[in-house]
Amino acid sequence: MTRWERPYSLDLATVKAIFGLVVGIVACGGIGYEMVANDAPSWLVVLLAAIATAGILVGGRRSMLGVYVSDQGIKSRSLLNTTMVPWENVREIGNGLATIGGLYMGRDAIVIHRLDGPLVQTPVQRGDFMRPFTFRPELGRLATGPKHYDDILTSLRRHHESWCERHGRPVPAPMPQLVIAPVQPARISEPRQQVSQLHVLKRLHERGVLTDAEFERQSADLEA
């Protein structure tokens, strides 16, 4: 596999984004033709063309959100940037805490642990059970259903393990720790900050990262 591809089926949110992009292109073409045919003011044509171009570019980027793999490595593509990590530099692909600007979003996100360099948080997040395909374009993230999220994570891990086996590298053991999102008190009120931190501690305790004693001690410190 030399070309980059998504190693999983598309979810409803991505399909909607692709459909919206196609409809937008057709609609812009039709409107532009009518304006030119009816001798609309040139400034208005230019303005609408600029708006349409920006919308198409954003829509095209939204339709490409996700994680891609090839023989070279794994690539995370978000709304604003793309990060490629060679397989030889991948420590593990696992769960992390989804953050936006350092703020915890209350969801898991697929993260790439590198042997050197900072952790890469992909745009793929575990969505709510009742609203499994919630797409939030304003945040540049893709929240998909729990089952689909688990399928994506499993597929990415298999690709990493396959590369390790082909190149005689030991398959890394799962990392026990999760990524704890930094909290910015200036942007979160004190009650919300406390609730967010308690929620993080609870998730870490449920996953076995924190012992009962550590969980009770840190919870008591927050509530003090």
N, C-alpha and C. Protein backbone atom coordinates (compact mmCIF):
# COMPACT_ATOMS: atom_id res chain seq x y z
N MET A 1 0.85 -1.20 0.00
CA MET A 1 0.00 0.00 0.00
C MET A 1 0.89 1.25 0.00
N THR A 2 0.97 1.88 -1.13
CA THR A 2 1.84 3.04 -1.25
C THR A 2 1.05 4.35 -1.19
N ARG A 3 -0.23 4.31 -1.42
CA ARG A 3 -1.01 5.55 -1.37
C ARG A 3 -1.71 5.67 -0.02
N TRP A 4 -2.05 6.90 0.32
CA TRP A 4 -2.71 7.15 1.59
C TRP A 4 -4.20 6.82 1.47
N GLU A 5 -4.72 6.12 2.46
CA GLU A 5 -6.14 5.77 2.45
C GLU A 5 -6.67 5.65 3.87
N ARG A 6 -7.98 5.86 4.01
CA ARG A 6 -8.63 5.63 5.29
C ARG A 6 -8.80 4.12 5.48
N PRO A 7 -8.31 3.55 6.58
CA PRO A 7 -8.44 2.10 6.77
C PRO A 7 -9.75 1.72 7.46
N TYR A 8 -10.82 2.46 7.16
CA TYR A 8 -12.10 2.20 7.81
C TYR A 8 -13.21 2.76 6.94
N SER A 9 -14.41 2.34 7.18
CA SER A 9 -15.55 2.83 6.42
C SER A 9 -15.90 4.25 6.85
N LEU A 10 -16.45 5.02 5.92
CA LEU A 10 -16.84 6.40 6.23
C LEU A 10 -18.06 6.41 7.13
N ASP A 11 -18.11 7.37 8.03
CA ASP A 11 -19.29 7.51 8.87
C ASP A 11 -20.25 8.49 8.22
N LEU A 12 -21.42 8.62 8.82
CA LEU A 12 -22.46 9.45 8.23
C LEU A 12 -22.04 10.91 8.13
N ALA A 13 -21.29 11.40 9.11
CA ALA A 13 -20.88 12.80 9.10
C ALA A 13 -20.01 13.12 7.89
N THR A 14 -19.05 12.24 7.59
CA THR A 14 -18.18 12.47 6.44
C THR A 14 -18.95 12.38 5.13
N VAL A 15 -19.87 11.42 5.06
CA VAL A 15 -20.71 11.30 3.85
C VAL A 15 -21.52 12.57 3.65
N LYS A 16 -22.06 13.11 4.73
CA LYS A 16 -22.82 14.36 4.64
C LYS A 16 -21.93 15.50 4.16
N ALA A 17 -20.71 15.56 4.67
CA ALA A 17 -19.80 16.62 4.27
C ALA A 17 -19.47 16.53 2.78
N ILE A 18 -19.24 15.32 2.29
CA ILE A 18 -18.94 15.13 0.87
C ILE A 18 -20.15 15.50 0.02
N PHE A 19 -21.34 15.05 0.45
CA PHE A 19 -22.57 15.38 -0.29
C PHE A 19 -22.80 16.89 -0.32
N GLY A 20 -22.60 17.54 0.84
CA GLY A 20 -22.77 18.99 0.90
C GLY A 20 -21.79 19.72 0.00
N LEU A 21 -20.56 19.19 -0.09
CA LEU A 21 -19.55 19.82 -0.96
C LEU A 21 -19.98 19.75 -2.42
N VAL A 22 -20.45 18.58 -2.84
CA VAL A 22 -20.88 18.41 -4.24
C VAL A 22 -22.07 19.33 -4.54
N VAL A 23 -23.05 19.35 -3.64
CA VAL A 23 -24.22 20.21 -3.84
C VAL A 23 -23.81 21.68 -3.88
N GLY A 24 -22.87 22.06 -3.00
CA GLY A 24 -22.41 23.44 -2.98
C GLY A 24 -21.73 23.85 -4.27
N ILE A 25 -20.90 22.96 -4.81
CA ILE A 25 -20.21 23.27 -6.08
C ILE A 25 -21.22 23.45 -7.21
N VAL A 26 -22.19 22.54 -7.29
CA VAL A 26 -23.21 22.63 -8.35
C VAL A 26 -24.04 23.90 -8.19
N ALA A 27 -24.44 24.21 -6.95
CA ALA A 27 -25.26 25.40 -6.71
C ALA A 27 -24.49 26.67 -7.03
N CYS A 28 -23.23 26.73 -6.65
CA CYS A 28 -22.42 27.92 -6.95
C CYS A 28 -22.24 28.10 -8.45
N GLY A 29 -22.05 26.99 -9.15
CA GLY A 29 -21.92 27.09 -10.60
C GLY A 29 -23.19 27.61 -11.25
N GLY A 30 -24.33 27.12 -10.78
CA GLY A 30 -25.61 27.58 -11.35
C GLY A 30 -25.88 29.03 -11.06
N ILE A 31 -25.63 29.45 -9.83
CA ILE A 31 -25.86 30.85 -9.46
C ILE A 31 -24.91 31.77 -10.23
N GLY A 32 -23.65 31.35 -10.35
CA GLY A 32 -22.68 32.16 -11.09
C GLY A 32 -23.08 32.32 -12.55
N TYR A 33 -23.56 31.23 -13.16
CA TYR A 33 -23.98 31.30 -14.56
C TYR A 33 -25.15 32.27 -14.73
N GLU A 34 -26.13 32.20 -13.81
CA GLU A 34 -27.29 33.09 -13.90
C GLU A 34 -26.88 34.55 -13.73
N MET A 35 -25.94 34.82 -12.81
CA MET A 35 -25.52 36.19 -12.58
C MET A 35 -24.81 36.75 -13.80
N VAL A 36 -23.92 35.96 -14.39
CA VAL A 36 -23.20 36.43 -15.59
C VAL A 36 -24.17 36.63 -16.75
N ALA A 37 -25.10 35.68 -16.89
CA ALA A 37 -26.06 35.76 -18.00
C ALA A 37 -26.97 36.97 -17.88
N ASN A 38 -27.22 37.39 -16.64
CA ASN A 38 -28.13 38.53 -16.43
C ASN A 38 -27.37 39.82 -16.16
N ASP A 39 -26.10 39.87 -16.51
CA ASP A 39 -25.29 41.09 -16.39
C ASP A 39 -25.31 41.67 -14.98
N ALA A 40 -25.05 40.83 -13.99
CA ALA A 40 -24.97 41.31 -12.61
C ALA A 40 -23.72 42.18 -12.44
N PRO A 41 -23.71 43.11 -11.49
CA PRO A 41 -22.53 43.95 -11.26
C PRO A 41 -21.28 43.10 -11.03
N SER A 42 -20.18 43.53 -11.63
CA SER A 42 -18.95 42.74 -11.54
C SER A 42 -18.48 42.57 -10.11
N TRP A 43 -18.63 43.64 -9.28
CA TRP A 43 -18.18 43.54 -7.89
C TRP A 43 -18.96 42.47 -7.12
N LEU A 44 -20.25 42.34 -7.45
CA LEU A 44 -21.08 41.34 -6.78
C LEU A 44 -20.67 39.93 -7.21
N VAL A 45 -20.36 39.79 -8.49
CA VAL A 45 -19.91 38.48 -8.99
C VAL A 45 -18.60 38.07 -8.32
N VAL A 46 -17.67 39.04 -8.23
CA VAL A 46 -16.38 38.74 -7.60
C VAL A 46 -16.56 38.38 -6.12
N LEU A 47 -17.42 39.13 -5.40
CA LEU A 47 -17.65 38.88 -3.99
C LEU A 47 -18.24 37.49 -3.76
N LEU A 48 -19.27 37.17 -4.51
CA LEU A 48 -19.89 35.86 -4.35
C LEU A 48 -18.94 34.74 -4.76
N ALA A 49 -18.11 34.99 -5.76
CA ALA A 49 -17.13 33.98 -6.18
C ALA A 49 -16.11 33.72 -5.07
N ALA A 50 -15.69 34.81 -4.39
CA ALA A 50 -14.73 34.66 -3.29
C ALA A 50 -15.35 33.88 -2.13
N ILE A 51 -16.60 34.20 -1.80
CA ILE A 51 -17.29 33.49 -0.71
C ILE A 51 -17.47 32.02 -1.07
N ALA A 52 -17.87 31.78 -2.32
CA ALA A 52 -18.09 30.40 -2.76
C ALA A 52 -16.79 29.61 -2.73
N THR A 53 -15.69 30.24 -3.16
CA THR A 53 -14.39 29.56 -3.15
C THR A 53 -13.96 29.19 -1.74
N ALA A 54 -14.14 30.13 -0.80
CA ALA A 54 -13.78 29.85 0.60
C ALA A 54 -14.63 28.73 1.16
N GLY A 55 -15.92 28.76 0.84
CA GLY A 55 -16.81 27.71 1.33
C GLY A 55 -16.45 26.34 0.77
N ILE A 56 -16.09 26.32 -0.51
CA ILE A 56 -15.71 25.04 -1.13
C ILE A 56 -14.41 24.50 -0.53
N LEU A 57 -13.45 25.39 -0.27
CA LEU A 57 -12.19 24.96 0.33
C LEU A 57 -12.40 24.39 1.72
N VAL A 58 -13.21 25.08 2.54
CA VAL A 58 -13.50 24.58 3.88
C VAL A 58 -14.28 23.27 3.82
N GLY A 59 -15.28 23.22 2.94
CA GLY A 59 -16.06 22.00 2.79
C GLY A 59 -15.22 20.82 2.32
N GLY A 60 -14.29 21.10 1.41
CA GLY A 60 -13.41 20.04 0.94
C GLY A 60 -12.52 19.52 2.05
N ARG A 61 -12.02 20.43 2.87
CA ARG A 61 -11.18 20.02 3.99
C ARG A 61 -11.97 19.23 5.00
N ARG A 62 -13.20 19.66 5.27
CA ARG A 62 -14.05 18.94 6.21
C ARG A 62 -14.31 17.52 5.76
N SER A 63 -14.47 17.33 4.46
CA SER A 63 -14.75 15.99 3.95
C SER A 63 -13.54 15.06 4.05
N MET A 64 -12.34 15.63 4.31
CA MET A 64 -11.13 14.82 4.40
C MET A 64 -10.65 14.61 5.83
N LEU A 65 -11.42 15.08 6.82
CA LEU A 65 -11.03 14.88 8.21
C LEU A 65 -10.88 13.38 8.50
N GLY A 66 -9.88 13.04 9.27
CA GLY A 66 -9.72 11.64 9.65
C GLY A 66 -8.28 11.22 9.79
N VAL A 67 -8.07 9.90 9.78
CA VAL A 67 -6.75 9.32 9.93
C VAL A 67 -6.49 8.43 8.72
N TYR A 68 -5.30 8.57 8.13
CA TYR A 68 -4.93 7.83 6.93
C TYR A 68 -3.67 7.02 7.19
N VAL A 69 -3.52 5.92 6.45
CA VAL A 69 -2.32 5.08 6.59
C VAL A 69 -1.76 4.75 5.21
N SER A 70 -0.49 4.45 5.18
CA SER A 70 0.19 3.94 3.99
C SER A 70 1.40 3.16 4.47
N ASP A 71 2.21 2.67 3.54
CA ASP A 71 3.43 1.97 3.94
C ASP A 71 4.42 2.91 4.63
N GLN A 72 4.25 4.20 4.41
CA GLN A 72 5.18 5.17 5.01
C GLN A 72 4.89 5.44 6.47
N GLY A 73 3.62 5.49 6.83
CA GLY A 73 3.29 5.83 8.21
C GLY A 73 1.80 6.09 8.37
N ILE A 74 1.48 6.91 9.35
CA ILE A 74 0.11 7.25 9.67
C ILE A 74 -0.04 8.77 9.63
N LYS A 75 -1.15 9.23 9.10
CA LYS A 75 -1.35 10.67 8.90
C LYS A 75 -2.65 11.10 9.57
N SER A 76 -2.57 12.16 10.37
CA SER A 76 -3.74 12.75 11.00
C SER A 76 -4.08 14.04 10.27
N ARG A 77 -5.30 14.13 9.77
CA ARG A 77 -5.71 15.31 9.00
C ARG A 77 -6.88 15.99 9.69
N SER A 78 -6.62 17.16 10.27
CA SER A 78 -7.67 17.94 10.92
C SER A 78 -8.06 19.10 10.01
N LEU A 79 -8.88 20.00 10.54
CA LEU A 79 -9.37 21.10 9.71
C LEU A 79 -8.26 22.07 9.35
N LEU A 80 -7.29 22.27 10.26
CA LEU A 80 -6.28 23.31 10.05
C LEU A 80 -4.89 22.78 9.73
N ASN A 81 -4.61 21.52 10.01
CA ASN A 81 -3.27 21.02 9.74
C ASN A 81 -3.27 19.52 9.49
N THR A 82 -2.16 19.04 8.95
CA THR A 82 -1.95 17.62 8.70
C THR A 82 -0.61 17.21 9.29
N THR A 83 -0.63 16.11 10.05
CA THR A 83 0.59 15.61 10.69
C THR A 83 0.84 14.18 10.26
N MET A 84 2.02 13.91 9.72
CA MET A 84 2.39 12.57 9.32
C MET A 84 3.47 12.03 10.25
N VAL A 85 3.27 10.82 10.75
CA VAL A 85 4.24 10.17 11.63
C VAL A 85 4.69 8.87 10.97
N PRO A 86 5.98 8.72 10.65
CA PRO A 86 6.47 7.46 10.08
C PRO A 86 6.23 6.31 11.06
N TRP A 87 5.99 5.12 10.51
CA TRP A 87 5.71 3.97 11.37
C TRP A 87 6.84 3.72 12.36
N GLU A 88 8.08 3.94 11.93
CA GLU A 88 9.20 3.66 12.83
C GLU A 88 9.23 4.61 14.03
N ASN A 89 8.46 5.69 13.97
CA ASN A 89 8.42 6.64 15.07
C ASN A 89 7.14 6.53 15.89
N VAL A 90 6.31 5.53 15.58
CA VAL A 90 5.05 5.34 16.31
C VAL A 90 5.28 4.42 17.50
N ARG A 91 5.00 4.92 18.68
CA ARG A 91 5.09 4.10 19.90
C ARG A 91 3.83 3.29 20.08
N GLU A 92 2.70 3.95 19.97
CA GLU A 92 1.42 3.27 20.12
C GLU A 92 0.31 4.16 19.58
N ILE A 93 -0.79 3.54 19.19
CA ILE A 93 -2.01 4.25 18.80
C ILE A 93 -3.06 3.87 19.83
N GLY A 94 -3.58 4.84 20.54
CA GLY A 94 -4.51 4.51 21.62
C GLY A 94 -5.51 5.60 21.90
N ASN A 95 -6.11 5.50 23.09
CA ASN A 95 -7.10 6.48 23.55
C ASN A 95 -6.41 7.61 24.29
N GLY A 96 -6.95 8.79 24.13
CA GLY A 96 -6.52 9.94 24.92
C GLY A 96 -7.75 10.75 25.26
N LEU A 97 -7.56 11.86 25.92
CA LEU A 97 -8.67 12.74 26.26
C LEU A 97 -8.78 13.84 25.20
N ALA A 98 -9.95 13.96 24.60
CA ALA A 98 -10.15 14.95 23.55
C ALA A 98 -10.10 16.36 24.13
N THR A 99 -9.29 17.20 23.53
CA THR A 99 -9.17 18.59 23.98
C THR A 99 -9.27 19.54 22.80
N ILE A 100 -9.72 20.73 23.11
CA ILE A 100 -9.75 21.82 22.14
C ILE A 100 -9.10 23.02 22.83
N GLY A 101 -7.97 23.46 22.34
CA GLY A 101 -7.27 24.57 22.96
C GLY A 101 -6.89 24.32 24.40
N GLY A 102 -6.61 23.03 24.74
CA GLY A 102 -6.23 22.70 26.10
C GLY A 102 -7.40 22.42 27.02
N LEU A 103 -8.64 22.54 26.52
CA LEU A 103 -9.83 22.31 27.34
C LEU A 103 -10.38 20.91 27.07
N TYR A 104 -10.68 20.17 28.13
CA TYR A 104 -11.20 18.82 28.01
C TYR A 104 -12.63 18.85 27.47
N MET A 105 -12.91 18.04 26.44
CA MET A 105 -14.21 18.07 25.78
C MET A 105 -15.17 16.99 26.28
N GLY A 106 -14.75 16.19 27.27
CA GLY A 106 -15.62 15.16 27.81
C GLY A 106 -15.73 13.93 26.93
N ARG A 107 -14.77 13.75 26.02
CA ARG A 107 -14.81 12.59 25.12
C ARG A 107 -13.40 12.01 24.98
N ASP A 108 -13.35 10.77 24.51
CA ASP A 108 -12.07 10.17 24.15
C ASP A 108 -11.71 10.59 22.74
N ALA A 109 -10.43 10.57 22.44
CA ALA A 109 -9.94 10.83 21.09
C ALA A 109 -8.82 9.84 20.78
N ILE A 110 -8.70 9.46 19.53
CA ILE A 110 -7.60 8.60 19.12
C ILE A 110 -6.33 9.43 19.06
N VAL A 111 -5.28 8.95 19.73
CA VAL A 111 -4.02 9.69 19.77
C VAL A 111 -2.89 8.80 19.30
N ILE A 112 -1.84 9.44 18.79
CA ILE A 112 -0.66 8.72 18.31
C ILE A 112 0.50 9.08 19.23
N HIS A 113 1.02 8.08 19.93
CA HIS A 113 2.19 8.29 20.79
C HIS A 113 3.44 8.09 19.95
N ARG A 114 4.29 9.10 19.93
CA ARG A 114 5.53 9.02 19.17
C ARG A 114 6.70 8.64 20.07
N LEU A 115 7.70 7.98 19.46
CA LEU A 115 8.91 7.65 20.21
C LEU A 115 9.68 8.92 20.56
N ASP A 116 9.63 9.90 19.67
CA ASP A 116 10.18 11.21 19.98
C ASP A 116 9.26 12.25 19.36
N GLY A 117 9.11 13.33 20.05
CA GLY A 117 8.19 14.36 19.58
C GLY A 117 6.91 14.33 20.38
N PRO A 118 6.12 15.39 20.30
CA PRO A 118 4.88 15.48 21.07
C PRO A 118 3.82 14.50 20.58
N LEU A 119 2.90 14.18 21.46
CA LEU A 119 1.77 13.32 21.12
C LEU A 119 0.90 14.00 20.06
N VAL A 120 0.33 13.21 19.18
CA VAL A 120 -0.55 13.73 18.12
C VAL A 120 -1.98 13.34 18.43
N GLN A 121 -2.83 14.33 18.65
CA GLN A 121 -4.26 14.06 18.84
C GLN A 121 -4.96 14.13 17.48
N THR A 122 -5.55 13.04 17.06
CA THR A 122 -6.24 13.02 15.77
C THR A 122 -7.62 13.66 15.93
N PRO A 123 -8.29 14.01 14.82
CA PRO A 123 -9.61 14.63 14.93
C PRO A 123 -10.72 13.63 15.23
N VAL A 124 -10.42 12.33 15.27
CA VAL A 124 -11.45 11.32 15.50
C VAL A 124 -11.75 11.20 16.99
N GLN A 125 -13.00 11.44 17.37
CA GLN A 125 -13.41 11.38 18.77
C GLN A 125 -14.59 10.43 18.94
N ARG A 126 -14.71 9.87 20.16
CA ARG A 126 -15.84 8.98 20.46
C ARG A 126 -17.06 9.83 20.76
N GLY A 127 -18.09 9.71 19.92
CA GLY A 127 -19.30 10.51 20.10
C GLY A 127 -20.22 9.92 21.14
N ASP A 128 -21.30 10.64 21.42
CA ASP A 128 -22.29 10.18 22.38
C ASP A 128 -23.07 9.01 21.83
N PHE A 129 -23.56 8.15 22.74
CA PHE A 129 -24.30 6.96 22.32
C PHE A 129 -25.62 7.34 21.64
N MET A 130 -26.30 8.33 22.19
CA MET A 130 -27.61 8.71 21.63
C MET A 130 -27.45 9.55 20.37
N ARG A 131 -26.31 10.22 20.20
CA ARG A 131 -26.05 11.02 19.00
C ARG A 131 -24.69 10.59 18.45
N PRO A 132 -24.63 9.38 17.87
CA PRO A 132 -23.33 8.79 17.51
C PRO A 132 -22.60 9.47 16.38
N PHE A 133 -23.29 10.25 15.55
CA PHE A 133 -22.62 10.85 14.40
C PHE A 133 -22.70 12.37 14.46
N THR A 134 -22.27 12.92 15.55
CA THR A 134 -22.32 14.36 15.74
C THR A 134 -21.08 15.00 15.13
N PHE A 135 -21.26 15.81 14.11
CA PHE A 135 -20.14 16.47 13.45
C PHE A 135 -20.09 17.91 13.89
N ARG A 136 -18.93 18.36 14.36
CA ARG A 136 -18.80 19.73 14.85
C ARG A 136 -17.76 20.47 14.01
N PRO A 137 -18.18 21.01 12.87
CA PRO A 137 -17.21 21.64 11.98
C PRO A 137 -16.52 22.84 12.57
N GLU A 138 -17.17 23.55 13.52
CA GLU A 138 -16.55 24.72 14.11
C GLU A 138 -15.35 24.37 14.96
N LEU A 139 -15.23 23.13 15.36
CA LEU A 139 -14.11 22.69 16.17
C LEU A 139 -13.11 21.88 15.38
N GLY A 140 -13.41 21.57 14.14
CA GLY A 140 -12.48 20.81 13.32
C GLY A 140 -12.27 19.40 13.82
N ARG A 141 -13.29 18.80 14.44
CA ARG A 141 -13.19 17.46 14.96
C ARG A 141 -14.33 16.60 14.40
N LEU A 142 -14.16 15.30 14.45
CA LEU A 142 -15.16 14.38 13.93
C LEU A 142 -15.53 13.40 15.03
N ALA A 143 -16.72 13.56 15.63
CA ALA A 143 -17.19 12.67 16.69
C ALA A 143 -18.06 11.59 16.06
N THR A 144 -17.60 10.36 16.13
CA THR A 144 -18.32 9.26 15.52
C THR A 144 -18.86 8.33 16.59
N GLY A 145 -19.71 7.38 16.21
CA GLY A 145 -20.35 6.48 17.16
C GLY A 145 -19.35 5.60 17.90
N PRO A 146 -19.71 5.13 19.09
CA PRO A 146 -18.79 4.31 19.89
C PRO A 146 -18.26 3.09 19.14
N LYS A 147 -19.14 2.35 18.46
CA LYS A 147 -18.69 1.15 17.75
C LYS A 147 -17.76 1.51 16.60
N HIS A 148 -18.13 2.52 15.83
CA HIS A 148 -17.29 2.93 14.71
C HIS A 148 -15.95 3.45 15.22
N TYR A 149 -15.96 4.16 16.33
CA TYR A 149 -14.72 4.65 16.93
C TYR A 149 -13.82 3.48 17.29
N ASP A 150 -14.38 2.46 17.94
CA ASP A 150 -13.59 1.29 18.32
C ASP A 150 -13.06 0.56 17.09
N ASP A 151 -13.87 0.49 16.03
CA ASP A 151 -13.43 -0.16 14.79
C ASP A 151 -12.24 0.59 14.18
N ILE A 152 -12.30 1.92 14.19
CA ILE A 152 -11.21 2.72 13.64
C ILE A 152 -9.93 2.48 14.44
N LEU A 153 -10.05 2.51 15.77
CA LEU A 153 -8.88 2.31 16.63
C LEU A 153 -8.28 0.92 16.41
N THR A 154 -9.13 -0.09 16.31
CA THR A 154 -8.64 -1.45 16.08
C THR A 154 -7.93 -1.57 14.75
N SER A 155 -8.50 -0.96 13.71
CA SER A 155 -7.90 -1.01 12.38
C SER A 155 -6.53 -0.33 12.36
N LEU A 156 -6.43 0.83 12.99
CA LEU A 156 -5.15 1.55 13.03
C LEU A 156 -4.09 0.75 13.79
N ARG A 157 -4.48 0.13 14.88
CA ARG A 157 -3.55 -0.68 15.64
C ARG A 157 -3.06 -1.88 14.84
N ARG A 158 -3.97 -2.48 14.08
CA ARG A 158 -3.58 -3.63 13.26
C ARG A 158 -2.57 -3.24 12.19
N HIS A 159 -2.75 -2.07 11.61
CA HIS A 159 -1.79 -1.61 10.61
C HIS A 159 -0.42 -1.39 11.24
N HIS A 160 -0.41 -0.84 12.44
CA HIS A 160 0.86 -0.62 13.13
C HIS A 160 1.52 -1.96 13.47
N GLU A 161 0.75 -2.91 13.99
CA GLU A 161 1.28 -4.22 14.34
C GLU A 161 1.80 -4.94 13.10
N SER A 162 1.06 -4.81 11.99
CA SER A 162 1.48 -5.45 10.74
C SER A 162 2.81 -4.90 10.27
N TRP A 163 2.98 -3.58 10.37
CA TRP A 163 4.26 -2.98 9.96
C TRP A 163 5.39 -3.49 10.84
N CYS A 164 5.15 -3.55 12.16
CA CYS A 164 6.17 -4.03 13.09
C CYS A 164 6.58 -5.46 12.76
N GLU A 165 5.60 -6.31 12.44
CA GLU A 165 5.91 -7.71 12.13
C GLU A 165 6.70 -7.83 10.83
N ARG A 166 6.35 -7.03 9.83
CA ARG A 166 7.04 -7.09 8.54
C ARG A 166 8.48 -6.61 8.65
N HIS A 167 8.76 -5.71 9.58
CA HIS A 167 10.10 -5.13 9.70
C HIS A 167 10.86 -5.67 10.91
N GLY A 168 10.35 -6.73 11.51
CA GLY A 168 11.06 -7.35 12.61
C GLY A 168 11.13 -6.51 13.86
N ARG A 169 10.17 -5.63 14.04
CA ARG A 169 10.14 -4.79 15.24
C ARG A 169 9.20 -5.43 16.27
N PRO A 170 9.52 -5.34 17.55
CA PRO A 170 8.61 -5.86 18.57
C PRO A 170 7.32 -5.05 18.60
N VAL A 171 6.20 -5.77 18.72
CA VAL A 171 4.92 -5.07 18.82
C VAL A 171 4.83 -4.45 20.21
N PRO A 172 4.67 -3.13 20.31
CA PRO A 172 4.67 -2.48 21.63
C PRO A 172 3.47 -2.89 22.47
N ALA A 173 3.72 -3.03 23.77
CA ALA A 173 2.63 -3.30 24.71
C ALA A 173 1.81 -2.03 24.89
N PRO A 174 0.50 -2.19 25.15
CA PRO A 174 -0.34 -0.99 25.35
C PRO A 174 0.18 -0.14 26.50
N MET A 175 0.11 1.16 26.31
CA MET A 175 0.54 2.10 27.35
C MET A 175 -0.60 2.29 28.34
N PRO A 176 -0.34 2.19 29.65
CA PRO A 176 -1.41 2.26 30.63
C PRO A 176 -1.94 3.66 30.87
N GLN A 177 -1.11 4.67 30.69
CA GLN A 177 -1.53 6.00 31.07
C GLN A 177 -2.35 6.67 29.97
N LEU A 178 -3.21 7.60 30.39
CA LEU A 178 -3.97 8.43 29.48
C LEU A 178 -3.38 9.83 29.50
N VAL A 179 -3.74 10.62 28.50
CA VAL A 179 -3.30 12.01 28.44
C VAL A 179 -4.27 12.87 29.24
N ILE A 180 -3.75 13.62 30.21
CA ILE A 180 -4.59 14.49 31.01
C ILE A 180 -4.53 15.89 30.41
N ALA A 181 -5.66 16.39 30.00
CA ALA A 181 -5.70 17.70 29.36
C ALA A 181 -5.43 18.79 30.38
N PRO A 182 -4.57 19.76 30.04
CA PRO A 182 -4.34 20.88 30.95
C PRO A 182 -5.58 21.75 31.04
N VAL A 183 -5.86 22.27 32.22
CA VAL A 183 -7.02 23.12 32.43
C VAL A 183 -6.56 24.57 32.50
N GLN A 184 -7.30 25.44 31.84
CA GLN A 184 -6.97 26.85 31.83
C GLN A 184 -7.98 27.60 32.69
N PRO A 185 -7.65 27.92 33.94
CA PRO A 185 -8.62 28.55 34.83
C PRO A 185 -9.18 29.86 34.29
N ALA A 186 -8.40 30.59 33.51
CA ALA A 186 -8.88 31.88 33.01
C ALA A 186 -10.03 31.72 32.05
N ARG A 187 -10.15 30.51 31.44
CA ARG A 187 -11.20 30.32 30.44
C ARG A 187 -12.34 29.46 30.97
N ILE A 188 -12.21 28.91 32.19
CA ILE A 188 -13.26 28.08 32.76
C ILE A 188 -13.57 28.59 34.15
N SER A 189 -14.84 28.73 34.48
CA SER A 189 -15.21 29.16 35.82
C SER A 189 -14.82 28.08 36.82
N GLU A 190 -14.67 28.45 38.09
CA GLU A 190 -14.19 27.51 39.11
C GLU A 190 -15.07 26.27 39.23
N PRO A 191 -16.42 26.39 39.32
CA PRO A 191 -17.25 25.19 39.41
C PRO A 191 -17.09 24.27 38.21
N ARG A 192 -17.06 24.81 37.00
CA ARG A 192 -16.91 23.99 35.80
C ARG A 192 -15.54 23.34 35.77
N GLN A 193 -14.52 24.06 36.21
CA GLN A 193 -13.18 23.49 36.25
C GLN A 193 -13.14 22.29 37.18
N GLN A 194 -13.77 22.41 38.36
CA GLN A 194 -13.78 21.32 39.33
C GLN A 194 -14.52 20.11 38.78
N VAL A 195 -15.66 20.32 38.15
CA VAL A 195 -16.43 19.22 37.56
C VAL A 195 -15.63 18.52 36.48
N SER A 196 -14.95 19.30 35.64
CA SER A 196 -14.15 18.72 34.57
C SER A 196 -13.02 17.87 35.13
N GLN A 197 -12.33 18.36 36.15
CA GLN A 197 -11.22 17.61 36.73
C GLN A 197 -11.71 16.35 37.44
N LEU A 198 -12.85 16.44 38.13
CA LEU A 198 -13.41 15.26 38.78
C LEU A 198 -13.79 14.20 37.76
N HIS A 199 -14.32 14.65 36.61
CA HIS A 199 -14.69 13.71 35.56
C HIS A 199 -13.46 13.00 35.01
N VAL A 200 -12.37 13.73 34.83
CA VAL A 200 -11.13 13.13 34.34
C VAL A 200 -10.63 12.09 35.34
N LEU A 201 -10.63 12.44 36.63
CA LEU A 201 -10.17 11.50 37.66
C LEU A 201 -11.03 10.24 37.67
N LYS A 202 -12.34 10.41 37.49
CA LYS A 202 -13.23 9.26 37.48
C LYS A 202 -12.93 8.32 36.33
N ARG A 203 -12.68 8.89 35.15
CA ARG A 203 -12.37 8.06 33.98
C ARG A 203 -11.05 7.33 34.18
N LEU A 204 -10.06 8.03 34.74
CA LEU A 204 -8.77 7.39 34.99
C LEU A 204 -8.90 6.26 36.00
N HIS A 205 -9.76 6.46 37.01
CA HIS A 205 -9.99 5.43 38.02
C HIS A 205 -10.69 4.23 37.40
N GLU A 206 -11.70 4.47 36.56
CA GLU A 206 -12.42 3.37 35.91
C GLU A 206 -11.51 2.56 35.00
N ARG A 207 -10.52 3.20 34.40
CA ARG A 207 -9.60 2.51 33.50
C ARG A 207 -8.45 1.83 34.25
N GLY A 208 -8.40 2.00 35.55
CA GLY A 208 -7.36 1.34 36.32
C GLY A 208 -6.06 2.10 36.39
N VAL A 209 -6.04 3.33 35.86
CA VAL A 209 -4.81 4.13 35.90
C VAL A 209 -4.55 4.62 37.32
N LEU A 210 -5.64 4.98 38.04
CA LEU A 210 -5.53 5.42 39.42
C LEU A 210 -6.05 4.33 40.35
N THR A 211 -5.35 4.09 41.46
CA THR A 211 -5.83 3.16 42.47
C THR A 211 -6.97 3.80 43.25
N ASP A 212 -7.67 2.99 44.07
CA ASP A 212 -8.77 3.53 44.87
C ASP A 212 -8.26 4.62 45.81
N ALA A 213 -7.11 4.38 46.41
CA ALA A 213 -6.57 5.36 47.35
C ALA A 213 -6.18 6.65 46.65
N GLU A 214 -5.55 6.54 45.48
CA GLU A 214 -5.15 7.73 44.73
C GLU A 214 -6.37 8.52 44.28
N PHE A 215 -7.41 7.79 43.83
CA PHE A 215 -8.63 8.46 43.37
C PHE A 215 -9.30 9.20 44.53
N GLU A 216 -9.41 8.56 45.68
CA GLU A 216 -10.07 9.20 46.82
C GLU A 216 -9.27 10.40 47.31
N ARG A 217 -7.93 10.29 47.33
CA ARG A 217 -7.11 11.39 47.80
C ARG A 217 -7.20 12.59 46.86
N GLN A 218 -7.09 12.35 45.53
CA GLN A 218 -7.12 13.47 44.59
C GLN A 218 -8.52 14.09 44.51
N SER A 219 -9.57 13.25 44.65
CA SER A 219 -10.94 13.80 44.65
C SER A 219 -11.16 14.68 45.87
N ALA A 220 -10.65 14.23 47.01
CA ALA A 220 -10.79 15.02 48.23
C ALA A 220 -10.05 16.35 48.12
N ASP A 221 -8.88 16.32 47.47
CA ASP A 221 -8.12 17.55 47.30
C ASP A 221 -8.89 18.56 46.44
N LEU A 222 -9.58 18.06 45.40
CA LEU A 222 -10.34 18.96 44.52
C LEU A 222 -11.56 19.54 45.24
N GLU A 223 -12.21 18.73 46.07
CA GLU A 223 -13.43 19.17 46.74
C GLU A 223 -13.14 20.01 47.98
N ALA A 224 -11.88 20.01 48.39
CA ALA A 224 -11.54 20.78 49.62
C ALA A 224 -11.67 22.27 49.39
